[in-house]
C-alpha atoms as a PDB file:
ATOM      1  CA  MET A   1     -66.244  10.562  10.841  1.00  0.00           C
ATOM      2  CA  LYS A   2     -66.154  14.035  11.844  1.00  0.00           C
ATOM      3  CA  GLU A   3     -68.691  16.406  10.530  1.00  0.00           C
ATOM      4  CA  THR A   4     -67.667  19.807   9.623  1.00  0.00           C
ATOM      5  CA  SER A   5     -69.896  22.958  10.388  1.00  0.00           C
ATOM      6  CA  ARG A   6     -70.462  25.160   7.553  1.00  0.00           C
ATOM      7  CA  GLN A   7     -70.872  29.119   8.104  1.00  0.00           C
ATOM      8  CA  ASN A   8     -73.540  30.535   6.591  1.00  0.00           C
ATOM      9  CA  VAL A   9     -72.870  31.919   3.382  1.00  0.00           C
ATOM     10  CA  GLU A  10     -74.717  35.141   2.317  1.00  0.00           C
ATOM     11  CA  PHE A  11     -75.488  35.099  -2.050  1.00  0.00           C
ATOM     12  CA  ILE A  12     -75.729  38.496  -3.395  1.00  0.00           C
ATOM     13  CA  PRO A  13     -77.704  38.409  -6.861  1.00  0.00           C
ATOM     14  CA  ARG A  14     -75.494  39.025  -9.681  1.00  0.00           C
ATOM     15  CA  GLU A  15     -77.610  42.413 -10.532  1.00  0.00           C
ATOM     16  CA  LYS A  16     -76.532  43.556  -6.928  1.00  0.00           C
ATOM     17  CA  GLN A  17     -73.228  42.481  -7.470  1.00  0.00           C
ATOM     18  CA  LEU A  18     -72.595  44.123 -10.360  1.00  0.00           C
ATOM     19  CA  LYS A  19     -74.259  47.480  -9.475  1.00  0.00           C
ATOM     20  CA  THR A  20     -71.797  47.500  -6.213  1.00  0.00           C
ATOM     21  CA  ILE A  21     -68.774  46.828  -8.938  1.00  0.00           C
ATOM     22  CA  TRP A  22     -69.934  49.572 -11.004  1.00  0.00           C
ATOM     23  CA  LYS A  23     -70.279  52.256  -7.767  1.00  0.00           C
ATOM     24  CA  THR A  24     -66.993  51.529  -6.898  1.00  0.00           C
ATOM     25  CA  LEU A  25     -65.439  51.974 -10.299  1.00  0.00           C
ATOM     26  CA  HIS A  26     -67.471  55.023 -10.480  1.00  0.00           C
ATOM     27  CA  LYS A  27     -65.902  56.726  -7.908  1.00  0.00           C
ATOM     28  CA  SER A  28     -62.464  56.554  -9.357  1.00  0.00           C
ATOM     29  CA  ARG A  29     -61.315  58.875 -11.970  1.00  0.00           C
ATOM     30  CA  THR A  30     -58.456  56.460 -12.901  1.00  0.00           C
ATOM     31  CA  ALA A  31     -60.656  53.891 -13.488  1.00  0.00           C
ATOM     32  CA  MET A  32     -63.018  55.296 -15.534  1.00  0.00           C
ATOM     33  CA  PHE A  33     -60.718  56.735 -17.780  1.00  0.00           C
ATOM     34  CA  GLY A  34     -59.190  53.247 -17.915  1.00  0.00           C
ATOM     35  CA  LEU A  35     -62.317  51.910 -18.767  1.00  0.00           C
ATOM     36  CA  CYS A  36     -62.685  54.718 -21.376  1.00  0.00           C
ATOM     37  CA  VAL A  37     -59.347  53.753 -23.233  1.00  0.00           C
ATOM     38  CA  LEU A  38     -60.374  50.168 -23.171  1.00  0.00           C
ATOM     39  CA  ALA A  39     -63.850  50.545 -24.753  1.00  0.00           C
ATOM     40  CA  PHE A  40     -62.044  53.135 -27.317  1.00  0.00           C
ATOM     41  CA  LEU A  41     -59.587  50.319 -28.551  1.00  0.00           C
ATOM     42  CA  ALA A  42     -62.094  47.832 -27.808  1.00  0.00           C
ATOM     43  CA  LEU A  43     -64.498  49.826 -30.871  1.00  0.00           C
ATOM     44  CA  VAL A  44     -61.126  50.525 -33.031  1.00  0.00           C
ATOM     45  CA  ALA A  45     -60.490  47.063 -32.854  1.00  0.00           C
ATOM     46  CA  ILE A  46     -63.879  45.833 -33.688  1.00  0.00           C
ATOM     47  CA  PHE A  47     -64.390  48.690 -36.588  1.00  0.00           C
ATOM     48  CA  ALA A  48     -60.621  48.734 -37.916  1.00  0.00           C
ATOM     49  CA  ASP A  49     -62.379  48.002 -41.384  1.00  0.00           C
ATOM     50  CA  LEU A  50     -64.475  50.581 -41.458  1.00  0.00           C
ATOM     51  CA  ILE A  51     -62.151  53.147 -40.214  1.00  0.00           C
ATOM     52  CA  VAL A  52     -59.317  52.776 -42.765  1.00  0.00           C
ATOM     53  CA  PRO A  53     -60.391  52.469 -46.650  1.00  0.00           C
ATOM     54  CA  TYR A  54     -57.354  50.003 -46.999  1.00  0.00           C
ATOM     55  CA  SER A  55     -55.724  46.904 -45.544  1.00  0.00           C
ATOM     56  CA  LYS A  56     -52.669  47.542 -43.670  1.00  0.00           C
ATOM     57  CA  ALA A  57     -50.215  45.632 -45.810  1.00  0.00           C
ATOM     58  CA  THR A  58     -51.439  47.553 -48.888  1.00  0.00           C
ATOM     59  CA  GLU A  59     -48.809  49.466 -50.961  1.00  0.00           C
ATOM     60  CA  LEU A  60     -49.275  52.488 -52.169  1.00  0.00           C
ATOM     61  CA  SER A  61     -46.138  52.705 -54.564  1.00  0.00           C
ATOM     62  CA  LEU A  62     -46.752  56.189 -55.184  1.00  0.00           C
ATOM     63  CA  ASP A  63     -46.736  57.216 -52.076  1.00  0.00           C
ATOM     64  CA  VAL A  64     -43.656  56.304 -50.292  1.00  0.00           C
ATOM     65  CA  LEU A  65     -42.422  58.251 -47.137  1.00  0.00           C
ATOM     66  CA  VAL A  66     -44.767  60.661 -47.396  1.00  0.00           C
ATOM     67  CA  SER A  67     -44.945  62.957 -44.478  1.00  0.00           C
ATOM     68  CA  PRO A  68     -48.537  63.046 -42.326  1.00  0.00           C
ATOM     69  CA  CYS A  69     -51.425  64.979 -44.498  1.00  0.00           C
ATOM     70  CA  ALA A  70     -54.865  64.468 -44.544  1.00  0.00           C
ATOM     71  CA  ALA A  71     -55.027  61.204 -46.868  1.00  0.00           C
ATOM     72  CA  HIS A  72     -52.296  59.499 -44.549  1.00  0.00           C
ATOM     73  CA  PRO A  73     -52.619  61.086 -41.063  1.00  0.00           C
ATOM     74  CA  PHE A  74     -49.613  59.440 -39.790  1.00  0.00           C
ATOM     75  CA  GLY A  75     -47.787  59.616 -43.055  1.00  0.00           C
ATOM     76  CA  THR A  76     -46.281  56.442 -44.928  1.00  0.00           C
ATOM     77  CA  ASP A  77     -43.217  54.162 -44.356  1.00  0.00           C
ATOM     78  CA  ASP A  78     -40.626  53.450 -46.771  1.00  0.00           C
ATOM     79  CA  LEU A  79     -42.765  50.583 -48.755  1.00  0.00           C
ATOM     80  CA  GLY A  80     -45.492  53.071 -49.110  1.00  0.00           C
ATOM     81  CA  ARG A  81     -47.973  51.243 -46.450  1.00  0.00           C
ATOM     82  CA  ASP A  82     -50.249  53.951 -44.761  1.00  0.00           C
ATOM     83  CA  VAL A  83     -49.125  53.909 -40.895  1.00  0.00           C
ATOM     84  CA  PHE A  84     -52.412  54.920 -39.920  1.00  0.00           C
ATOM     85  CA  ALA A  85     -54.267  52.070 -41.328  1.00  0.00           C
ATOM     86  CA  ARG A  86     -51.059  49.674 -39.387  1.00  0.00           C
ATOM     87  CA  VAL A  87     -51.728  51.388 -36.329  1.00  0.00           C
ATOM     88  CA  VAL A  88     -55.592  50.824 -36.499  1.00  0.00           C
ATOM     89  CA  HIS A  89     -55.231  47.260 -37.494  1.00  0.00           C
ATOM     90  CA  GLY A  90     -52.722  46.384 -35.094  1.00  0.00           C
ATOM     91  CA  THR A  91     -55.053  47.185 -32.254  1.00  0.00           C
ATOM     92  CA  ARG A  92     -56.329  43.741 -32.789  1.00  0.00           C
ATOM     93  CA  TYR A  93     -53.287  42.304 -31.888  1.00  0.00           C
ATOM     94  CA  SER A  94     -52.351  44.265 -29.345  1.00  0.00           C
ATOM     95  CA  LEU A  95     -56.197  43.509 -27.128  1.00  0.00           C
ATOM     96  CA  LEU A  96     -55.820  39.898 -28.125  1.00  0.00           C
ATOM     97  CA  VAL A  97     -51.943  39.873 -26.374  1.00  0.00           C
ATOM     98  CA  GLY A  98     -52.966  41.526 -23.706  1.00  0.00           C
ATOM     99  CA  VAL A  99     -56.112  39.870 -22.620  1.00  0.00           C
ATOM    100  CA  SER A 100     -54.268  36.372 -23.455  1.00  0.00           C
ATOM    101  CA  VAL A 101     -51.263  37.353 -21.512  1.00  0.00           C
ATOM    102  CA  SER A 102     -53.765  38.207 -18.550  1.00  0.00           C
ATOM    103  CA  PHE A 103     -55.257  34.963 -18.536  1.00  0.00           C
ATOM    104  CA  LEU A 104     -52.375  33.010 -18.842  1.00  0.00           C
ATOM    105  CA  SER A 105     -50.874  34.801 -15.874  1.00  0.00           C
ATOM    106  CA  LEU A 106     -54.518  34.458 -13.862  1.00  0.00           C
ATOM    107  CA  PHE A 107     -54.221  30.374 -14.794  1.00  0.00           C
ATOM    108  CA  VAL A 108     -50.677  30.548 -13.280  1.00  0.00           C
ATOM    109  CA  SER A 109     -51.366  32.396 -10.315  1.00  0.00           C
ATOM    110  CA  MET A 110     -54.123  30.151  -9.342  1.00  0.00           C
ATOM    111  CA  ILE A 111     -52.165  26.489  -9.819  1.00  0.00           C
ATOM    112  CA  LEU A 112     -49.334  28.291  -7.976  1.00  0.00           C
ATOM    113  CA  ALA A 113     -51.914  29.681  -5.064  1.00  0.00           C
ATOM    114  CA  SER A 114     -53.075  26.158  -4.872  1.00  0.00           C
ATOM    115  CA  LEU A 115     -50.227  24.211  -4.535  1.00  0.00           C
ATOM    116  CA  ALA A 116     -49.348  27.008  -2.132  1.00  0.00           C
ATOM    117  CA  SER A 117     -52.218  26.662   0.518  1.00  0.00           C
ATOM    118  CA  TYR A 118     -52.474  22.716   0.216  1.00  0.00           C
ATOM    119  CA  TYR A 119     -48.218  22.472   1.030  1.00  0.00           C
ATOM    120  CA  GLY A 120     -48.338  25.275   3.217  1.00  0.00           C
ATOM    121  CA  GLY A 121     -45.042  26.909   4.456  1.00  0.00           C
ATOM    122  CA  LYS A 122     -43.459  29.589   2.566  1.00  0.00           C
END
């Protein structure tokens, strides 16, 4: 059997990796803006029940097609549902879909990359 030689691989502590990642992200304004938007949406999704006083499906029969006002910042639809409540509660589903699609594409790309590296060629 032929013995394979291993290269000396330097393992970097996790704390140092996180500091390096943070320094790299901190230099880019667009990355920091995206991180702030993502953090804001995550907070809205977590605290959606505290932000709006009623659920997304609550029908307010007296408030049909109300234009934006203090009680309904985005107004109401033709069934009397508050549009702002629906948007706030919808962030949960939007983030869930975004994260799940990202992980699915990561999984598929890992399989395709593994097959491509094993078989070679185009």
